[in-house]
């Protein structure tokens, strides 16, 4: 993540930048208009579109309609985490007040008990996508 050299705001890129060693790019700040030069390496896409990979900007493969919403996962590990969370009888919160956990960022419809069976069916459909 790159920040503006003047105001500290996050800099956004609309495409993936690849550069050779010692090459620099000039990224304008949306806030103050200053131009910050960033060094070599790879920048991730900062214009995050819904249901797309935040780094590459590609549509997510693991998507399914569920409870009037769209259930999605980034990868098999993320899907397994969601399944374990939804299947759990007791959902304990860690005593970590400094950072939000992934569970706290989950949409409320996914955490509601009344959608448990439908969410589990949606997770099973996504698991079949991984197998097939």
Protein backbone atom coordinates (compact mmCIF):
# COMPACT_ATOMS: atom_id res chain seq x y z
CA UNK A 1 0.00 0.00 0.00
CA UNK A 2 1.36 3.36 -0.99
CA UNK A 3 0.55 6.68 0.69
CA UNK A 4 0.78 10.27 -0.48
CA UNK A 5 4.03 11.96 0.50
CA UNK A 6 2.22 15.19 1.41
CA UNK A 7 -1.13 14.33 3.06
CA UNK A 8 -0.72 10.60 3.84
CA UNK A 9 -3.83 9.41 1.97
CA UNK A 10 -3.80 6.02 0.29
CA UNK A 11 -2.84 6.15 -3.36
CA UNK A 12 -5.00 4.21 -5.81
CA UNK A 13 -4.01 2.62 -9.06
CA UNK A 14 -6.45 1.53 -11.73
CA UNK A 15 -4.25 -1.25 -13.04
CA UNK A 16 -1.57 -3.60 -11.89
CA UNK A 17 1.86 -2.02 -12.22
CA UNK A 18 4.89 -4.16 -12.88
CA UNK A 19 8.24 -2.56 -13.06
CA UNK A 20 11.83 -3.42 -13.62
CA UNK A 21 14.30 -2.84 -10.78
CA UNK A 22 14.98 0.85 -10.11
CA UNK A 23 12.01 2.03 -12.16
CA UNK A 24 9.62 4.55 -10.63
CA UNK A 25 6.02 5.58 -11.26
CA UNK A 26 4.33 8.89 -10.48
CA UNK A 27 0.97 8.44 -8.75
CA UNK A 28 -1.27 11.48 -8.18
CA UNK A 29 -3.11 11.86 -4.87
CA UNK A 30 -6.90 12.24 -5.08
CA UNK A 31 -6.90 14.37 -1.92
CA UNK A 32 -4.26 17.07 -2.28
CA UNK A 33 -3.19 16.54 -5.90
CA UNK A 34 0.45 15.97 -5.05
CA UNK A 35 2.38 13.48 -7.16
CA UNK A 36 4.25 10.79 -5.27
CA UNK A 37 6.94 8.70 -6.94
CA UNK A 38 6.77 5.03 -6.00
CA UNK A 39 9.59 2.59 -6.52
CA UNK A 40 9.95 -0.71 -8.25
CA UNK A 41 7.90 -3.76 -7.34
CA UNK A 42 4.28 -4.57 -7.83
CA UNK A 43 1.32 -2.50 -6.76
CA UNK A 44 -2.04 -4.05 -6.13
CA UNK A 45 -5.25 -2.67 -7.58
CA UNK A 46 -6.70 -0.18 -5.13
CA UNK A 47 -10.03 0.40 -6.86
CA UNK A 48 -11.77 -2.58 -5.35
CA UNK A 49 -14.87 -3.60 -7.24
CA UNK A 50 -17.47 -5.76 -5.52
CA UNK A 51 -16.90 -9.50 -5.90
CA UNK A 52 -13.45 -9.12 -7.38
CA UNK A 53 -9.99 -9.99 -6.17
CA UNK A 54 -8.58 -6.90 -4.41
CA UNK A 55 -5.08 -7.42 -5.79
CA UNK A 56 -5.66 -8.41 -9.41
CA UNK A 57 -9.14 -6.96 -9.96
CA UNK A 58 -10.43 -10.19 -11.52
CA UNK A 59 -13.91 -11.57 -10.76
CA UNK A 60 -14.02 -14.14 -7.99
CA UNK A 61 -14.48 -17.74 -9.10
CA UNK A 62 -16.19 -18.81 -5.87
CA UNK A 63 -19.58 -17.07 -5.96
CA UNK A 64 -23.08 -18.42 -5.35
CA UNK A 65 -26.53 -16.95 -4.78
CA UNK A 66 -27.53 -17.49 -1.17
CA UNK A 67 -30.28 -16.06 1.07
CA UNK A 68 -31.00 -13.28 -1.42
CA UNK A 69 -27.33 -12.22 -1.35
CA UNK A 70 -24.12 -13.42 -2.95
CA UNK A 71 -21.93 -15.80 -0.96
CA UNK A 72 -18.29 -15.59 -2.03
CA UNK A 73 -14.85 -16.74 -0.98
CA UNK A 74 -11.35 -15.90 -2.14
CA UNK A 75 -9.89 -19.40 -1.97
CA UNK A 76 -10.38 -22.87 -0.43
CA UNK A 77 -8.94 -21.75 2.91
CA UNK A 78 -11.35 -18.83 3.12
CA UNK A 79 -14.24 -21.13 2.22
CA UNK A 80 -13.21 -23.63 4.92
CA UNK A 81 -13.07 -20.81 7.49
CA UNK A 82 -16.57 -19.65 6.55
CA UNK A 83 -17.89 -23.22 6.79
CA UNK A 84 -16.34 -23.74 10.23
CA UNK A 85 -17.80 -20.43 11.43
CA UNK A 86 -21.31 -21.13 10.13
CA UNK A 87 -21.32 -24.71 11.51
CA UNK A 88 -20.10 -23.67 14.97
CA UNK A 89 -22.63 -23.96 17.79
CA UNK A 90 -20.76 -21.51 19.99
CA UNK A 91 -19.22 -18.48 18.36
CA UNK A 92 -16.74 -16.91 20.75
CA UNK A 93 -15.17 -13.53 20.14
CA UNK A 94 -11.47 -13.18 20.77
CA UNK A 95 -10.58 -10.50 23.31
CA UNK A 96 -8.74 -8.39 20.76
CA UNK A 97 -9.96 -4.80 20.78
CA UNK A 98 -7.10 -3.38 18.70
CA UNK A 99 -8.02 -4.92 15.36
CA UNK A 100 -11.23 -6.13 13.76
CA UNK A 101 -11.29 -9.83 13.12
CA UNK A 102 -12.51 -11.33 9.88
CA UNK A 103 -15.67 -12.52 11.66
CA UNK A 104 -16.54 -8.95 12.65
CA UNK A 105 -16.33 -7.94 9.00
CA UNK A 106 -18.67 -10.67 7.76
CA UNK A 107 -22.04 -9.45 6.54
CA UNK A 108 -24.83 -9.73 9.11
CA UNK A 109 -26.98 -11.99 6.90
CA UNK A 110 -24.20 -14.59 6.90
CA UNK A 111 -23.98 -14.57 10.71
CA UNK A 112 -27.71 -14.94 11.32
CA UNK A 113 -28.80 -18.35 12.56
CA UNK A 114 -31.92 -18.38 10.41
CA UNK A 115 -29.75 -18.53 7.27
CA UNK A 116 -27.46 -21.28 8.55
CA UNK A 117 -28.88 -24.14 6.46
CA UNK A 118 -29.02 -22.07 3.28
CA UNK A 119 -25.48 -20.74 3.78
CA UNK A 120 -24.17 -24.27 4.32
CA UNK A 121 -25.85 -25.37 1.08
CA UNK A 122 -24.22 -22.43 -0.68
CA UNK A 123 -20.83 -23.40 0.75
CA UNK A 124 -21.37 -26.96 -0.52
CA UNK A 125 -22.08 -25.58 -4.02
CA UNK A 126 -18.83 -23.60 -3.89
CA UNK A 127 -16.95 -26.70 -2.74
CA UNK A 128 -18.30 -28.50 -5.82
CA UNK A 129 -16.90 -25.68 -7.97
CA UNK A 130 -13.49 -26.38 -6.44
CA UNK A 131 -13.77 -30.11 -7.13
CA UNK A 132 -15.07 -29.75 -10.68
